[in-house]
Amino acid sequence: MTLAVCFGATIVAVLFGDKLQTMLVFIACVFVMGMVDEFQQLLQTDFINDNLNSRSRITLKYSQMALGGGIAVTLTWLAHELTLDLPPLHRHSIVVAIGVTCFTLSACAVLAVRDFSASVSMRKPATRSPIEALSNYISNTVTMMRHGWFRKFIALRLIFAIVVLSVPFFSLISAESHHASNKGLTALIISYAMGYIVAGPLWGALNNVSHRLVMVASALLVAVAGATLAILHIYDIDHDVRIHAAALFTVTVAVRGIITVLNLYYMDIAPKDQRVNGIAVARSFVRIMMICLSATLAAVAHLQETVWAIIFITLASLVAAVVSLVVTRNRQDELSTISGKI
């Protein structure tokens, strides 16, 4: 419901607010949405790991991705066809309003979820002051960094944090090229949602072979898409919205694979007693780095051209592929670890 309110607030701000009001609303909403996302990830990691085995987690994650993408494509296309006569801003607002409705329905569906794992009854609520919470977090960070498996995971998360930024910066260069088009947003949203549909069965099949295979393949996919788009942009032959839609589709497929496989990989390697503390520390590190990287790349895009950010992400993707080969284990080792934990 918080996400629904945030997206609704952005629609109201864009339609009725001035430039300053719109900027303030966007900053506040992005901050709140980031907090909600972190909270959801902590809960979902523990909940899914407690209630599903490794194979079921893979099936759940990739089925959710494919089905969600299919629904998004259908709703966006219907909105596009039914609002052809409206101005672009109003049509875009209607698309976002559909997202608000989906968040609301999702909140209602979550009410039916129950956690029947044994660990639920053992959990005790803890009330801490902000100083105690910060001290506890620092202590958890120091403790987690002593574990070799966690240090390797942090290395993976940090390098892939750069690769994940491909989606917003590919979207940015697309928006710069097609901001005046009344079909631009619809094409980009559909290509983004189609990426979910394709990513589900594609990475689901590869993930049954190895986590490492998904990481390497997805990183190389971003590198190929980034290099292609950068070359087309430099030679000024990327004016067709379909080029940017195809590029966004490709990196969406790759990024969805990266985000999901890192989550699944963590669930497989993290001991139960370190799972929540580990993901909290890891995501904090990654978020801080992403803020710094996003600000740096955004400054480059503003002062120079967005294509330079794309080139940097492309090079980082190649590095991520190499790091994945070195850090992660093969499938046989993964299965041995999972069997030992069970």
Protein backbone atom coordinates (compact mmCIF):
# COMPACT_ATOMS: atom_id res chain seq x y z
CA MET A 1 0.00 0.00 0.00
CA THR A 2 2.91 2.35 0.66
CA LEU A 3 4.20 1.76 -2.87
CA ALA A 4 0.73 2.45 -4.26
CA VAL A 5 0.57 5.75 -2.36
CA CYS A 6 4.02 6.76 -3.61
CA PHE A 7 3.16 6.13 -7.26
CA GLY A 8 -0.17 7.91 -6.83
CA ALA A 9 1.61 10.91 -5.34
CA THR A 10 3.93 11.14 -8.34
CA ILE A 11 0.95 11.26 -10.71
CA VAL A 12 -0.68 14.08 -8.73
CA ALA A 13 2.61 16.00 -8.53
CA VAL A 14 3.29 15.79 -12.26
CA LEU A 15 -0.26 16.72 -13.28
CA PHE A 16 -0.93 19.51 -10.78
CA GLY A 17 2.34 20.60 -9.15
CA ASP A 18 5.03 23.02 -10.23
CA LYS A 19 8.63 22.00 -10.93
CA LEU A 20 9.83 22.34 -7.31
CA GLN A 21 6.85 20.46 -5.87
CA THR A 22 7.28 17.67 -8.39
CA MET A 23 10.97 17.35 -7.57
CA LEU A 24 10.34 17.20 -3.82
CA VAL A 25 7.59 14.59 -4.22
CA PHE A 26 9.82 12.42 -6.41
CA ILE A 27 12.71 12.62 -3.91
CA ALA A 28 10.44 11.71 -1.00
CA CYS A 29 8.77 8.86 -2.89
CA VAL A 30 12.05 7.36 -4.08
CA PHE A 31 13.35 7.43 -0.49
CA VAL A 32 10.25 5.77 0.93
CA MET A 33 10.08 3.19 -1.87
CA GLY A 34 13.72 2.28 -1.23
CA MET A 35 12.98 1.70 2.46
CA VAL A 36 9.97 -0.45 1.63
CA ASP A 37 11.97 -2.48 -0.87
CA GLU A 38 14.68 -3.20 1.72
CA PHE A 39 12.10 -4.23 4.29
CA GLN A 40 10.38 -6.55 1.82
CA GLN A 41 13.66 -8.17 0.77
CA LEU A 42 14.62 -8.96 4.36
CA LEU A 43 11.26 -10.55 5.07
CA GLN A 44 11.01 -12.44 1.80
CA THR A 45 14.53 -13.88 2.02
CA ASP A 46 13.83 -15.43 5.42
CA PHE A 47 10.24 -16.41 4.62
CA ILE A 48 10.96 -18.12 1.29
CA ASN A 49 14.03 -19.91 2.63
CA ASP A 50 12.12 -21.23 5.64
CA ASN A 51 9.17 -22.51 3.65
CA LEU A 52 10.64 -23.70 0.31
CA ASN A 53 13.57 -25.87 -0.73
CA SER A 54 16.15 -24.79 -3.32
CA ARG A 55 14.35 -26.25 -6.35
CA SER A 56 11.00 -24.76 -5.31
CA ARG A 57 12.58 -21.35 -4.80
CA ILE A 58 13.88 -21.40 -8.37
CA THR A 59 10.45 -22.40 -9.71
CA LEU A 60 8.67 -19.74 -7.67
CA LYS A 61 11.00 -16.87 -8.59
CA TYR A 62 11.07 -17.46 -12.33
CA SER A 63 7.37 -18.34 -12.63
CA GLN A 64 6.53 -15.13 -10.81
CA MET A 65 8.76 -13.21 -13.19
CA ALA A 66 7.17 -14.65 -16.35
CA LEU A 67 3.56 -14.36 -15.19
CA GLY A 68 4.06 -10.84 -13.88
CA GLY A 69 5.60 -9.73 -17.15
CA GLY A 70 2.74 -11.23 -19.16
CA ILE A 71 0.13 -9.40 -17.10
CA ALA A 72 2.10 -6.13 -17.37
CA VAL A 73 2.30 -6.39 -21.18
CA THR A 74 -1.42 -7.08 -21.46
CA LEU A 75 -2.47 -4.18 -19.22
CA THR A 76 -0.07 -1.70 -20.83
CA TRP A 77 -1.12 -2.61 -24.36
CA LEU A 78 -4.81 -2.30 -23.47
CA ALA A 79 -4.17 1.11 -21.91
CA HIS A 80 -2.28 2.16 -25.02
CA GLU A 81 -5.09 1.15 -27.38
CA LEU A 82 -7.87 2.67 -25.28
CA THR A 83 -6.20 6.07 -24.77
CA LEU A 84 -4.84 6.85 -28.22
CA ASP A 85 -6.70 10.17 -28.41
CA LEU A 86 -5.38 11.56 -25.11
CA PRO A 87 -2.26 13.76 -24.71
CA PRO A 88 0.96 11.85 -23.95
CA LEU A 89 1.18 13.03 -20.32
CA HIS A 90 -2.35 11.86 -19.53
CA ARG A 91 -1.76 8.53 -21.25
CA HIS A 92 1.42 8.00 -19.25
CA SER A 93 -0.43 8.87 -16.05
CA ILE A 94 -3.06 6.24 -16.81
CA VAL A 95 -0.34 3.61 -17.23
CA VAL A 96 1.11 4.56 -13.83
CA ALA A 97 -2.41 4.49 -12.34
CA ILE A 98 -2.72 0.88 -13.50
CA GLY A 99 0.46 0.18 -11.54
CA VAL A 100 -1.11 1.78 -8.45
CA THR A 101 -4.09 -0.54 -8.83
CA CYS A 102 -1.80 -3.57 -9.10
CA PHE A 103 0.06 -2.59 -5.93
CA THR A 104 -3.25 -2.29 -4.10
CA LEU A 105 -4.40 -5.71 -5.29
CA SER A 106 -1.03 -7.13 -4.28
CA ALA A 107 -1.47 -5.77 -0.77
CA CYS A 108 -4.83 -7.52 -0.53
CA ALA A 109 -3.31 -10.79 -1.76
CA VAL A 110 -0.51 -10.62 0.83
CA LEU A 111 -3.14 -10.63 3.58
CA ALA A 112 -3.77 -14.30 2.72
CA VAL A 113 -0.10 -15.29 3.29
CA ARG A 114 0.75 -17.22 6.46
CA ASP A 115 4.17 -18.24 7.76
CA PHE A 116 4.04 -21.69 9.35
CA SER A 117 7.79 -22.20 9.80
CA ALA A 118 9.03 -23.34 13.19
CA SER A 119 11.18 -20.25 13.66
CA VAL A 120 8.16 -17.95 13.85
CA SER A 121 7.20 -19.03 17.37
CA MET A 122 10.76 -18.47 18.61
CA ARG A 123 11.02 -14.89 17.43
CA LYS A 124 10.84 -12.26 20.13
CA PRO A 125 10.14 -8.62 19.38
CA ALA A 126 13.06 -6.33 20.16
CA THR A 127 12.75 -2.63 20.94
CA ARG A 128 15.99 -0.68 20.55
CA SER A 129 16.92 2.98 20.54
CA PRO A 130 18.46 4.33 17.31
CA ILE A 131 21.91 4.29 18.97
CA GLU A 132 21.50 0.67 20.04
CA ALA A 133 20.26 -0.27 16.58
CA LEU A 134 23.27 1.39 14.93
CA SER A 135 25.65 -0.31 17.39
CA ASN A 136 24.00 -3.65 16.69
CA TYR A 137 24.30 -3.11 12.93
CA ILE A 138 28.02 -2.28 13.18
CA SER A 139 28.58 -5.36 15.31
CA ASN A 140 26.71 -7.51 12.76
CA THR A 141 28.78 -6.04 9.95
CA VAL A 142 32.08 -6.83 11.66
CA THR A 143 30.90 -10.35 12.47
CA MET A 144 29.69 -11.10 8.95
CA MET A 145 32.89 -9.80 7.36
CA ARG A 146 34.84 -12.48 9.20
CA HIS A 147 33.17 -15.20 7.13
CA GLY A 148 34.84 -16.09 3.82
CA TRP A 149 31.59 -17.02 2.07
CA PHE A 150 30.12 -13.62 2.94
CA ARG A 151 33.13 -11.66 1.70
CA LYS A 152 32.89 -13.45 -1.65
CA PHE A 153 29.17 -12.71 -1.83
CA ILE A 154 29.77 -9.04 -1.08
CA ALA A 155 32.30 -8.92 -3.93
CA LEU A 156 29.68 -10.33 -6.28
CA ARG A 157 26.97 -7.95 -5.11
CA LEU A 158 29.18 -4.89 -5.43
CA ILE A 159 30.35 -5.57 -8.98
CA PHE A 160 26.86 -6.55 -10.12
CA ALA A 161 25.47 -3.35 -8.57
CA ILE A 162 27.07 -1.50 -11.48
CA VAL A 163 25.55 -3.88 -14.02
CA VAL A 164 22.06 -3.48 -12.52
CA LEU A 165 22.28 0.28 -13.19
CA SER A 166 22.01 -0.54 -16.90
CA VAL A 167 18.20 -0.43 -16.76
CA PRO A 168 17.82 3.17 -15.49
CA PHE A 169 20.58 4.50 -17.74
CA PHE A 170 19.29 2.66 -20.81
CA SER A 171 15.88 4.13 -19.96
CA LEU A 172 17.44 7.58 -19.58
CA ILE A 173 19.10 7.56 -22.98
CA SER A 174 15.83 6.29 -24.47
CA ALA A 175 13.85 9.07 -22.81
CA GLU A 176 16.31 11.68 -24.12
CA SER A 177 15.89 10.39 -27.65
CA HIS A 178 12.10 9.90 -27.65
CA HIS A 179 10.66 12.26 -25.02
CA ALA A 180 8.37 13.90 -27.59
CA SER A 181 6.94 10.64 -28.92
CA ASN A 182 3.43 9.58 -27.86
CA LYS A 183 4.44 5.93 -28.30
CA GLY A 184 7.80 6.05 -26.54
CA LEU A 185 6.72 5.23 -22.97
CA THR A 186 4.34 2.48 -24.05
CA ALA A 187 7.01 0.83 -26.22
CA LEU A 188 9.57 0.99 -23.42
CA ILE A 189 7.19 -0.37 -20.77
CA ILE A 190 6.13 -3.24 -23.02
CA SER A 191 9.75 -4.08 -23.85
CA TYR A 192 10.57 -3.94 -20.13
CA ALA A 193 7.67 -6.26 -19.27
CA MET A 194 8.54 -8.59 -22.15
CA GLY A 195 11.96 -8.86 -20.58
CA TYR A 196 10.30 -10.36 -17.51
CA ILE A 197 8.40 -12.88 -19.62
CA VAL A 198 11.51 -14.07 -21.43
CA ALA A 199 13.74 -13.92 -18.35
CA GLY A 200 11.54 -16.30 -16.40
CA PRO A 201 11.83 -19.48 -18.52
CA LEU A 202 15.31 -18.59 -19.87
CA TRP A 203 17.08 -18.11 -16.55
CA GLY A 204 14.91 -20.72 -14.86
CA ALA A 205 16.27 -23.37 -17.25
CA LEU A 206 19.88 -22.17 -16.94
CA ASN A 207 19.63 -21.84 -13.17
CA ASN A 208 18.86 -25.56 -12.95
CA VAL A 209 22.34 -26.10 -14.38
CA SER A 210 24.29 -23.56 -12.33
CA HIS A 211 24.04 -20.21 -10.59
CA ARG A 212 27.39 -19.35 -12.12
CA LEU A 213 26.07 -19.89 -15.65
CA VAL A 214 23.25 -17.37 -15.12
CA MET A 215 25.62 -14.77 -13.65
CA VAL A 216 28.13 -15.02 -16.49
CA ALA A 217 25.52 -15.15 -19.27
CA SER A 218 23.51 -12.21 -17.92
CA ALA A 219 26.62 -10.06 -17.45
CA LEU A 220 27.76 -10.76 -21.01
CA LEU A 221 24.25 -9.95 -22.28
CA VAL A 222 24.43 -6.48 -20.73
CA ALA A 223 27.91 -5.99 -22.20
CA VAL A 224 26.73 -6.88 -25.72
CA ALA A 225 23.62 -4.67 -25.47
CA GLY A 226 25.61 -1.76 -24.04
CA ALA A 227 28.33 -1.96 -26.67
CA THR A 228 25.79 -2.15 -29.49
CA LEU A 229 23.72 0.79 -28.25
CA ALA A 230 26.84 2.89 -27.59
CA ILE A 231 28.13 2.32 -31.12
CA LEU A 232 24.74 3.14 -32.68
CA HIS A 233 24.45 6.29 -30.55
CA ILE A 234 27.97 7.50 -31.34
CA TYR A 235 27.30 7.12 -35.07
CA ASP A 236 23.89 8.81 -34.60
CA ILE A 237 21.82 5.95 -36.04
CA ASP A 238 19.70 5.13 -32.98
CA HIS A 239 16.69 7.38 -33.70
CA ASP A 240 14.22 4.51 -34.09
CA VAL A 241 12.39 3.84 -30.81
CA ARG A 242 12.55 0.13 -31.60
CA ILE A 243 16.33 0.18 -31.18
CA HIS A 244 16.04 1.54 -27.65
CA ALA A 245 13.13 -0.78 -26.88
CA ALA A 246 15.23 -3.77 -27.99
CA ALA A 247 18.19 -2.59 -25.90
CA LEU A 248 16.00 -2.07 -22.83
CA PHE A 249 14.42 -5.48 -23.38
CA THR A 250 17.85 -7.13 -23.50
CA VAL A 251 19.20 -5.51 -20.34
CA THR A 252 15.91 -6.17 -18.53
CA VAL A 253 16.24 -9.88 -19.29
CA ALA A 254 19.83 -9.77 -18.04
CA VAL A 255 19.19 -7.69 -14.92
CA ARG A 256 16.23 -9.81 -13.85
CA GLY A 257 18.48 -12.82 -14.11
CA ILE A 258 21.17 -11.10 -12.05
CA ILE A 259 18.86 -9.93 -9.27
CA THR A 260 17.10 -13.27 -8.99
CA VAL A 261 20.17 -15.50 -9.18
CA LEU A 262 22.03 -13.45 -6.55
CA ASN A 263 19.04 -13.83 -4.24
CA LEU A 264 18.80 -17.57 -4.88
CA TYR A 265 22.56 -18.02 -4.57
CA TYR A 266 22.53 -16.27 -1.20
CA MET A 267 19.68 -18.45 0.07
CA ASP A 268 21.67 -21.55 -0.86
CA ILE A 269 24.95 -20.55 0.78
CA ALA A 270 23.83 -18.56 3.85
CA PRO A 271 23.52 -20.47 7.16
CA LYS A 272 20.15 -20.05 8.86
CA ASP A 273 21.52 -18.17 11.87
CA GLN A 274 23.38 -15.66 9.67
CA ARG A 275 20.82 -15.25 6.88
CA VAL A 276 18.97 -12.09 7.94
CA ASN A 277 22.03 -10.29 9.33
CA GLY A 278 23.98 -11.13 6.19
CA ILE A 279 21.42 -9.88 3.69
CA ALA A 280 20.92 -6.70 5.72
CA VAL A 281 24.64 -5.94 5.71
CA ALA A 282 25.06 -6.91 2.06
CA ARG A 283 22.19 -4.78 0.82
CA SER A 284 23.38 -1.81 2.89
CA PHE A 285 26.81 -1.98 1.29
CA VAL A 286 25.29 -2.30 -2.16
CA ARG A 287 22.82 0.55 -1.68
CA ILE A 288 25.54 2.93 -0.51
CA MET A 289 27.68 2.04 -3.50
CA MET A 290 24.74 2.37 -5.90
CA ILE A 291 23.95 5.84 -4.56
CA CYS A 292 27.54 6.95 -5.14
CA LEU A 293 27.72 5.32 -8.57
CA SER A 294 24.33 6.63 -9.66
CA ALA A 295 25.25 10.17 -8.63
CA THR A 296 28.60 9.93 -10.44
CA LEU A 297 27.15 8.46 -13.63
CA ALA A 298 24.23 10.89 -13.56
CA ALA A 299 26.68 13.78 -13.29
CA VAL A 300 28.60 12.40 -16.26
CA ALA A 301 25.36 12.05 -18.21
CA HIS A 302 24.35 15.61 -17.33
CA LEU A 303 27.72 17.25 -18.02
CA GLN A 304 28.71 15.12 -21.01
CA GLU A 305 26.50 12.45 -22.58
CA THR A 306 24.58 9.48 -21.21
CA VAL A 307 26.43 7.22 -23.63
CA TRP A 308 29.56 7.50 -21.44
CA ALA A 309 27.64 5.98 -18.54
CA ILE A 310 26.53 3.18 -20.87
CA ILE A 311 30.16 2.53 -21.87
CA PHE A 312 31.24 2.36 -18.22
CA ILE A 313 28.45 -0.10 -17.39
CA THR A 314 29.44 -2.21 -20.42
CA LEU A 315 33.03 -2.50 -19.18
CA ALA A 316 31.84 -3.30 -15.66
CA SER A 317 29.66 -6.08 -17.07
CA LEU A 318 32.70 -7.75 -18.60
CA VAL A 319 34.48 -7.54 -15.23
CA ALA A 320 31.39 -9.01 -13.52
CA ALA A 321 31.44 -12.01 -15.85
CA VAL A 322 35.06 -12.73 -14.92
CA VAL A 323 34.44 -12.25 -11.19
CA SER A 324 31.49 -14.67 -11.37
CA LEU A 325 33.71 -17.34 -12.87
CA VAL A 326 36.29 -16.91 -10.11
CA VAL A 327 34.08 -16.44 -7.03
CA THR A 328 31.07 -18.75 -7.52
CA ARG A 329 31.11 -22.51 -7.35
CA ASN A 330 29.90 -25.08 -9.84
CA ARG A 331 26.57 -26.82 -9.53
CA GLN A 332 27.98 -29.93 -7.88
CA ASP A 333 29.46 -27.86 -5.06
CA GLU A 334 26.18 -25.94 -4.70
CA LEU A 335 24.17 -29.14 -4.39
CA SER A 336 26.63 -30.54 -1.85
CA THR A 337 26.28 -27.42 0.29
CA ILE A 338 22.49 -27.52 0.08
CA SER A 339 22.39 -31.22 1.01
CA GLY A 340 24.67 -30.57 3.97
CA LYS A 341 22.44 -27.76 5.22
CA ILE A 342 19.32 -29.92 4.89
